[in-house]
Amino acid sequence: MQKGTIGVTTDNIFPVIKKFLYSDHEIFLRELVSNAVDATQKLKTLSSFGDFKGELGTMNVTVSIDKNKGTLTISDRGIGMTAEEIDKYINQIAFSGAEEFLEKYKNDANAIIGHFGLGFYSSFMVSKKVEIVTKSYKEGAVPMKWSCDGTPEYTLEETEKEDRGTDIILYIVLSISSLIFFIWNLQIHRLQSCLIPFLSRC
């Protein structure tokens, strides 16, 4: 297991994110779903360029809630991430993966929305812990699990995951557990106009 400190410029950026960066708490779901749709679009682009030879299969983004565990999970079957990519796109929070990708495929990637960056960390506005379980589309990729409890420290370790893609698991703060269901349904409705080809619920 790897342990480390997230690359930030202050001792603890999470209070800033929770209190000042986002005035609307419901924005976290839009950001995470946008990232998931972004990951599926990236894989489609790679496939169209011949850089991905496998079957695309179902490319929906799934938002699910486990009331017993108090979790909300956003899942996709997009490009996934390696350990090195987690370090680059998640642990260095100001970096945008979409910008690098668009530069390479700028003529055919206009549909990409969202990016990994501060948007991902909006999840900590409503969560006491966030986990990422991911497996890259690359051949021989090792599934990885990243976990952070809202401090600059994180853990990164190998895990089990059969299919490519990413699950973002939010352990919702109990004091807003009832609010999260309203936000979830409201945000799904708002997202349908632009994300309807990709979004599903269970």
C-alpha atoms as a PDB file:
ATOM      1  CA  MET A   1       0.000   0.000   0.000  1.00  0.00           C
ATOM      2  CA  GLN A   2       1.226   3.468  -0.885  1.00  0.00           C
ATOM      3  CA  LYS A   3       0.600   6.371   1.450  1.00  0.00           C
ATOM      4  CA  GLY A   4       1.209  10.001   0.627  1.00  0.00           C
ATOM      5  CA  THR A   5       0.129  13.602   0.845  1.00  0.00           C
ATOM      6  CA  ILE A   6      -1.979  15.242  -1.828  1.00  0.00           C
ATOM      7  CA  GLY A   7      -0.133  17.980  -3.712  1.00  0.00           C
ATOM      8  CA  VAL A   8      -1.653  21.206  -2.419  1.00  0.00           C
ATOM      9  CA  THR A   9      -0.257  24.637  -1.732  1.00  0.00           C
ATOM     10  CA  THR A  10      -1.806  24.973   1.728  1.00  0.00           C
ATOM     11  CA  ASP A  11      -1.749  22.735   4.802  1.00  0.00           C
ATOM     12  CA  ASN A  12      -5.356  21.708   4.236  1.00  0.00           C
ATOM     13  CA  ILE A  13      -7.303  22.824   1.200  1.00  0.00           C
ATOM     14  CA  PHE A  14     -10.445  20.879   2.070  1.00  0.00           C
ATOM     15  CA  PRO A  15     -12.003  23.537   4.342  1.00  0.00           C
ATOM     16  CA  VAL A  16     -11.534  25.996   1.489  1.00  0.00           C
ATOM     17  CA  ILE A  17     -13.310  23.661  -0.916  1.00  0.00           C
ATOM     18  CA  LYS A  18     -16.141  22.960   1.502  1.00  0.00           C
ATOM     19  CA  LYS A  19     -16.799  26.538   2.584  1.00  0.00           C
ATOM     20  CA  PHE A  20     -15.640  28.879  -0.150  1.00  0.00           C
ATOM     21  CA  LEU A  21     -14.879  27.255  -3.499  1.00  0.00           C
ATOM     22  CA  TYR A  22     -18.419  26.071  -4.197  1.00  0.00           C
ATOM     23  CA  SER A  23     -21.454  27.994  -2.998  1.00  0.00           C
ATOM     24  CA  ASP A  24     -23.868  25.320  -4.275  1.00  0.00           C
ATOM     25  CA  HIS A  25     -23.403  21.970  -2.552  1.00  0.00           C
ATOM     26  CA  GLU A  26     -25.269  20.145  -5.302  1.00  0.00           C
ATOM     27  CA  ILE A  27     -22.533  20.994  -7.799  1.00  0.00           C
ATOM     28  CA  PHE A  28     -20.489  17.984  -6.650  1.00  0.00           C
ATOM     29  CA  LEU A  29     -22.727  15.526  -8.509  1.00  0.00           C
ATOM     30  CA  ARG A  30     -22.561  17.512 -11.723  1.00  0.00           C
ATOM     31  CA  GLU A  31     -18.772  17.559 -11.510  1.00  0.00           C
ATOM     32  CA  LEU A  32     -18.440  13.817 -10.844  1.00  0.00           C
ATOM     33  CA  VAL A  33     -20.912  12.784 -13.540  1.00  0.00           C
ATOM     34  CA  SER A  34     -19.203  15.129 -15.986  1.00  0.00           C
ATOM     35  CA  ASN A  35     -15.880  13.444 -15.193  1.00  0.00           C
ATOM     36  CA  ALA A  36     -17.446  10.031 -15.779  1.00  0.00           C
ATOM     37  CA  VAL A  37     -18.946  11.079 -19.110  1.00  0.00           C
ATOM     38  CA  ASP A  38     -15.568  12.581 -20.003  1.00  0.00           C
ATOM     39  CA  ALA A  39     -13.925   9.196 -19.367  1.00  0.00           C
ATOM     40  CA  THR A  40     -16.377   7.406 -21.687  1.00  0.00           C
ATOM     41  CA  GLN A  41     -15.896  10.025 -24.397  1.00  0.00           C
ATOM     42  CA  LYS A  42     -12.128   9.652 -24.151  1.00  0.00           C
ATOM     43  CA  LEU A  43     -12.405   5.903 -24.726  1.00  0.00           C
ATOM     44  CA  LYS A  44     -14.655   6.435 -27.746  1.00  0.00           C
ATOM     45  CA  THR A  45     -12.125   8.877 -29.170  1.00  0.00           C
ATOM     46  CA  LEU A  46      -9.258   6.450 -28.569  1.00  0.00           C
ATOM     47  CA  SER A  47     -11.286   3.741 -30.310  1.00  0.00           C
ATOM     48  CA  SER A  48     -11.982   5.953 -33.310  1.00  0.00           C
ATOM     49  CA  PHE A  49      -8.245   6.635 -33.662  1.00  0.00           C
ATOM     50  CA  GLY A  50      -7.412   2.949 -33.389  1.00  0.00           C
ATOM     51  CA  ASP A  51      -5.680   3.400 -30.030  1.00  0.00           C
ATOM     52  CA  PHE A  52      -8.212   1.104 -28.316  1.00  0.00           C
ATOM     53  CA  LYS A  53      -8.917  -2.257 -29.966  1.00  0.00           C
ATOM     54  CA  GLY A  54     -11.375  -3.720 -27.461  1.00  0.00           C
ATOM     55  CA  GLU A  55     -15.164  -3.734 -27.407  1.00  0.00           C
ATOM     56  CA  LEU A  56     -16.743  -0.528 -26.139  1.00  0.00           C
ATOM     57  CA  GLY A  57     -19.895  -2.255 -24.886  1.00  0.00           C
ATOM     58  CA  THR A  58     -22.285  -0.360 -22.632  1.00  0.00           C
ATOM     59  CA  MET A  59     -21.019   3.146 -21.989  1.00  0.00           C
ATOM     60  CA  ASN A  60     -23.635   4.427 -19.538  1.00  0.00           C
ATOM     61  CA  VAL A  61     -22.742   6.348 -16.394  1.00  0.00           C
ATOM     62  CA  THR A  62     -24.503   4.871 -13.356  1.00  0.00           C
ATOM     63  CA  VAL A  63     -25.395   6.740 -10.155  1.00  0.00           C
ATOM     64  CA  SER A  64     -26.389   4.461  -7.282  1.00  0.00           C
ATOM     65  CA  ILE A  65     -27.132   4.851  -3.578  1.00  0.00           C
ATOM     66  CA  ASP A  66     -26.625   2.286  -0.818  1.00  0.00           C
ATOM     67  CA  LYS A  67     -28.762   3.428   2.096  1.00  0.00           C
ATOM     68  CA  ASN A  68     -27.319   0.821   4.478  1.00  0.00           C
ATOM     69  CA  LYS A  69     -23.707   1.818   3.838  1.00  0.00           C
ATOM     70  CA  GLY A  70     -24.523   5.504   3.431  1.00  0.00           C
ATOM     71  CA  THR A  71     -22.742   5.680   0.089  1.00  0.00           C
ATOM     72  CA  LEU A  72     -23.351   7.270  -3.276  1.00  0.00           C
ATOM     73  CA  THR A  73     -21.405   5.755  -6.193  1.00  0.00           C
ATOM     74  CA  ILE A  74     -20.775   7.147  -9.679  1.00  0.00           C
ATOM     75  CA  SER A  75     -19.607   4.415 -12.070  1.00  0.00           C
ATOM     76  CA  ASP A  76     -18.387   4.456 -15.655  1.00  0.00           C
ATOM     77  CA  ARG A  77     -16.788   2.080 -18.164  1.00  0.00           C
ATOM     78  CA  GLY A  78     -14.443   4.642 -19.614  1.00  0.00           C
ATOM     79  CA  ILE A  79     -10.663   4.764 -19.782  1.00  0.00           C
ATOM     80  CA  GLY A  80     -10.021   4.190 -16.081  1.00  0.00           C
ATOM     81  CA  MET A  81      -6.713   5.127 -14.467  1.00  0.00           C
ATOM     82  CA  THR A  82      -3.372   3.551 -13.628  1.00  0.00           C
ATOM     83  CA  ALA A  83      -1.548   4.266 -10.365  1.00  0.00           C
ATOM     84  CA  GLU A  84       0.599   6.817 -12.187  1.00  0.00           C
ATOM     85  CA  GLU A  85      -2.474   8.560 -13.601  1.00  0.00           C
ATOM     86  CA  ILE A  86      -4.119   8.703 -10.166  1.00  0.00           C
ATOM     87  CA  ASP A  87      -1.018  10.425  -8.868  1.00  0.00           C
ATOM     88  CA  LYS A  88      -1.059  12.866 -11.774  1.00  0.00           C
ATOM     89  CA  TYR A  89      -4.770  13.669 -12.016  1.00  0.00           C
ATOM     90  CA  ILE A  90      -6.037  13.134  -8.463  1.00  0.00           C
ATOM     91  CA  ASN A  91      -3.127  13.729  -6.090  1.00  0.00           C
ATOM     92  CA  GLN A  92      -2.087  16.906  -7.912  1.00  0.00           C
ATOM     93  CA  ILE A  93      -5.423  18.618  -7.548  1.00  0.00           C
ATOM     94  CA  ALA A  94      -4.912  21.653  -9.769  1.00  0.00           C
ATOM     95  CA  PHE A  95      -4.087  19.629 -12.898  1.00  0.00           C
ATOM     96  CA  SER A  96      -6.655  19.097 -15.640  1.00  0.00           C
ATOM     97  CA  GLY A  97      -6.443  15.808 -17.482  1.00  0.00           C
ATOM     98  CA  ALA A  98      -8.923  16.941 -20.107  1.00  0.00           C
ATOM     99  CA  GLU A  99      -6.694  19.783 -21.246  1.00  0.00           C
ATOM    100  CA  GLU A 100      -3.840  17.398 -22.063  1.00  0.00           C
ATOM    101  CA  PHE A 101      -6.207  14.994 -23.807  1.00  0.00           C
ATOM    102  CA  LEU A 102      -7.852  17.724 -25.886  1.00  0.00           C
ATOM    103  CA  GLU A 103      -4.474  18.956 -27.076  1.00  0.00           C
ATOM    104  CA  LYS A 104      -3.712  15.511 -28.513  1.00  0.00           C
ATOM    105  CA  TYR A 105      -7.158  14.889 -30.034  1.00  0.00           C
ATOM    106  CA  LYS A 106      -8.339  18.487 -30.410  1.00  0.00           C
ATOM    107  CA  ASN A 107      -9.926  17.926 -33.831  1.00  0.00           C
ATOM    108  CA  ASP A 108     -12.175  15.086 -32.707  1.00  0.00           C
ATOM    109  CA  ALA A 109     -12.752  15.542 -28.973  1.00  0.00           C
ATOM    110  CA  ASN A 110     -15.135  18.497 -28.919  1.00  0.00           C
ATOM    111  CA  ALA A 111     -17.768  16.519 -27.006  1.00  0.00           C
ATOM    112  CA  ILE A 112     -15.593  16.174 -23.904  1.00  0.00           C
ATOM    113  CA  ILE A 113     -16.934  18.027 -20.882  1.00  0.00           C
ATOM    114  CA  GLY A 114     -15.560  18.407 -17.376  1.00  0.00           C
ATOM    115  CA  HIS A 115     -12.116  17.464 -16.190  1.00  0.00           C
ATOM    116  CA  PHE A 116     -10.246  15.990 -13.254  1.00  0.00           C
ATOM    117  CA  GLY A 117      -9.038  18.827 -11.104  1.00  0.00           C
ATOM    118  CA  LEU A 118     -10.649  20.741  -8.280  1.00  0.00           C
ATOM    119  CA  GLY A 119     -14.043  19.558  -9.529  1.00  0.00           C
ATOM    120  CA  PHE A 120     -13.376  16.060  -8.217  1.00  0.00           C
ATOM    121  CA  TYR A 121     -12.651  17.409  -4.761  1.00  0.00           C
ATOM    122  CA  SER A 122     -16.085  19.031  -4.558  1.00  0.00           C
ATOM    123  CA  SER A 123     -17.156  15.535  -3.444  1.00  0.00           C
ATOM    124  CA  PHE A 124     -15.699  16.294  -0.019  1.00  0.00           C
ATOM    125  CA  MET A 125     -18.360  18.944   0.542  1.00  0.00           C
ATOM    126  CA  VAL A 126     -20.806  16.123   1.273  1.00  0.00           C
ATOM    127  CA  SER A 127     -18.526  13.199   2.176  1.00  0.00           C
ATOM    128  CA  LYS A 128     -16.493  12.064   5.168  1.00  0.00           C
ATOM    129  CA  LYS A 129     -14.497   9.725   2.928  1.00  0.00           C
ATOM    130  CA  VAL A 130     -14.094   9.216  -0.823  1.00  0.00           C
ATOM    131  CA  GLU A 131     -12.773   6.124  -2.572  1.00  0.00           C
ATOM    132  CA  ILE A 132     -11.789   5.572  -6.190  1.00  0.00           C
ATOM    133  CA  VAL A 133     -11.766   2.007  -7.516  1.00  0.00           C
ATOM    134  CA  THR A 134     -10.441   2.045 -11.054  1.00  0.00           C
ATOM    135  CA  LYS A 135      -8.951  -0.107 -13.789  1.00  0.00           C
ATOM    136  CA  SER A 136      -7.328   1.358 -16.887  1.00  0.00           C
ATOM    137  CA  TYR A 137      -8.320   0.275 -20.384  1.00  0.00           C
ATOM    138  CA  LYS A 138      -4.640  -0.431 -21.083  1.00  0.00           C
ATOM    139  CA  GLU A 139      -3.625  -4.054 -21.529  1.00  0.00           C
ATOM    140  CA  GLY A 140      -2.316  -5.636 -18.343  1.00  0.00           C
ATOM    141  CA  ALA A 141      -3.507  -2.754 -16.168  1.00  0.00           C
ATOM    142  CA  VAL A 142      -3.615  -3.387 -12.413  1.00  0.00           C
ATOM    143  CA  PRO A 143      -6.837  -2.264 -10.656  1.00  0.00           C
ATOM    144  CA  MET A 144      -6.175   0.404  -8.030  1.00  0.00           C
ATOM    145  CA  LYS A 145      -8.013   1.766  -5.002  1.00  0.00           C
ATOM    146  CA  TRP A 146      -7.461   5.329  -3.766  1.00  0.00           C
ATOM    147  CA  SER A 147      -8.928   6.494  -0.456  1.00  0.00           C
ATOM    148  CA  CYS A 148      -8.974   9.822   1.375  1.00  0.00           C
ATOM    149  CA  ASP A 149     -10.869  10.964   4.467  1.00  0.00           C
ATOM    150  CA  GLY A 150     -10.822  14.698   3.785  1.00  0.00           C
ATOM    151  CA  THR A 151      -7.287  15.372   4.977  1.00  0.00           C
ATOM    152  CA  PRO A 152      -4.284  15.847   2.665  1.00  0.00           C
ATOM    153  CA  GLU A 153      -3.245  12.219   3.359  1.00  0.00           C
ATOM    154  CA  TYR A 154      -4.357   9.394   1.075  1.00  0.00           C
ATOM    155  CA  THR A 155      -3.756   5.676   0.537  1.00  0.00           C
ATOM    156  CA  LEU A 156      -3.292   3.930  -2.805  1.00  0.00           C
ATOM    157  CA  GLU A 157      -3.234   0.151  -3.150  1.00  0.00           C
ATOM    158  CA  GLU A 158      -3.920  -2.641  -5.596  1.00  0.00           C
ATOM    159  CA  THR A 159      -7.428  -4.044  -5.536  1.00  0.00           C
ATOM    160  CA  GLU A 160      -9.791  -6.268  -7.516  1.00  0.00           C
ATOM    161  CA  LYS A 161     -11.924  -5.019 -10.390  1.00  0.00           C
ATOM    162  CA  GLU A 162     -12.848  -7.138 -13.406  1.00  0.00           C
ATOM    163  CA  ASP A 163     -13.979  -4.496 -15.877  1.00  0.00           C
ATOM    164  CA  ARG A 164     -12.295  -1.298 -17.021  1.00  0.00           C
ATOM    165  CA  GLY A 165     -13.549   2.045 -15.779  1.00  0.00           C
ATOM    166  CA  THR A 166     -13.939   3.890 -12.502  1.00  0.00           C
ATOM    167  CA  ASP A 167     -16.191   3.824  -9.435  1.00  0.00           C
ATOM    168  CA  ILE A 168     -16.223   6.962  -7.292  1.00  0.00           C
ATOM    169  CA  ILE A 169     -17.618   5.995  -3.872  1.00  0.00           C
ATOM    170  CA  LEU A 170     -18.752   8.771  -1.551  1.00  0.00           C
ATOM    171  CA  TYR A 171     -19.393   8.057   2.129  1.00  0.00           C
ATOM    172  CA  ILE A 172     -22.014  10.696   2.713  1.00  0.00           C
ATOM    173  CA  VAL A 173     -21.919  12.848   5.835  1.00  0.00           C
ATOM    174  CA  LEU A 174     -24.743  11.636   8.057  1.00  0.00           C
ATOM    175  CA  SER A 175     -26.055  15.097   8.869  1.00  0.00           C
ATOM    176  CA  ILE A 176     -27.023  15.622   5.230  1.00  0.00           C
ATOM    177  CA  SER A 177     -28.000  12.034   4.366  1.00  0.00           C
ATOM    178  CA  SER A 178     -31.646  12.992   3.909  1.00  0.00           C
ATOM    179  CA  LEU A 179     -30.708  15.964   1.729  1.00  0.00           C
ATOM    180  CA  ILE A 180     -28.583  13.895  -0.601  1.00  0.00           C
ATOM    181  CA  PHE A 181     -31.564  12.033  -2.047  1.00  0.00           C
ATOM    182  CA  PHE A 182     -33.248  15.287  -3.002  1.00  0.00           C
ATOM    183  CA  ILE A 183     -30.037  16.613  -4.548  1.00  0.00           C
ATOM    184  CA  TRP A 184     -29.531  13.371  -6.447  1.00  0.00           C
ATOM    185  CA  ASN A 185     -32.965  13.403  -8.079  1.00  0.00           C
ATOM    186  CA  LEU A 186     -32.837  17.131  -8.757  1.00  0.00           C
ATOM    187  CA  GLN A 187     -29.425  16.953 -10.346  1.00  0.00           C
ATOM    188  CA  ILE A 188     -30.286  13.931 -12.522  1.00  0.00           C
ATOM    189  CA  HIS A 189     -33.205  15.916 -13.913  1.00  0.00           C
ATOM    190  CA  ARG A 190     -31.000  18.910 -14.690  1.00  0.00           C
ATOM    191  CA  LEU A 191     -28.324  16.776 -16.329  1.00  0.00           C
ATOM    192  CA  GLN A 192     -30.634  14.914 -18.692  1.00  0.00           C
ATOM    193  CA  SER A 193     -30.550  17.543 -21.407  1.00  0.00           C
ATOM    194  CA  CYS A 194     -26.799  17.181 -22.013  1.00  0.00           C
ATOM    195  CA  LEU A 195     -25.944  13.740 -20.627  1.00  0.00           C
ATOM    196  CA  ILE A 196     -28.977  11.640 -21.505  1.00  0.00           C
ATOM    197  CA  PRO A 197     -27.108   9.320 -23.926  1.00  0.00           C
ATOM    198  CA  PHE A 198     -24.814   8.211 -21.099  1.00  0.00           C
ATOM    199  CA  LEU A 199     -26.723   8.397 -17.806  1.00  0.00           C
ATOM    200  CA  SER A 200     -28.586   5.653 -15.997  1.00  0.00           C
ATOM    201  CA  ARG A 201     -29.644   4.981 -12.425  1.00  0.00           C
ATOM    202  CA  CYS A 202     -29.971   1.899 -10.236  1.00  0.00           C
END
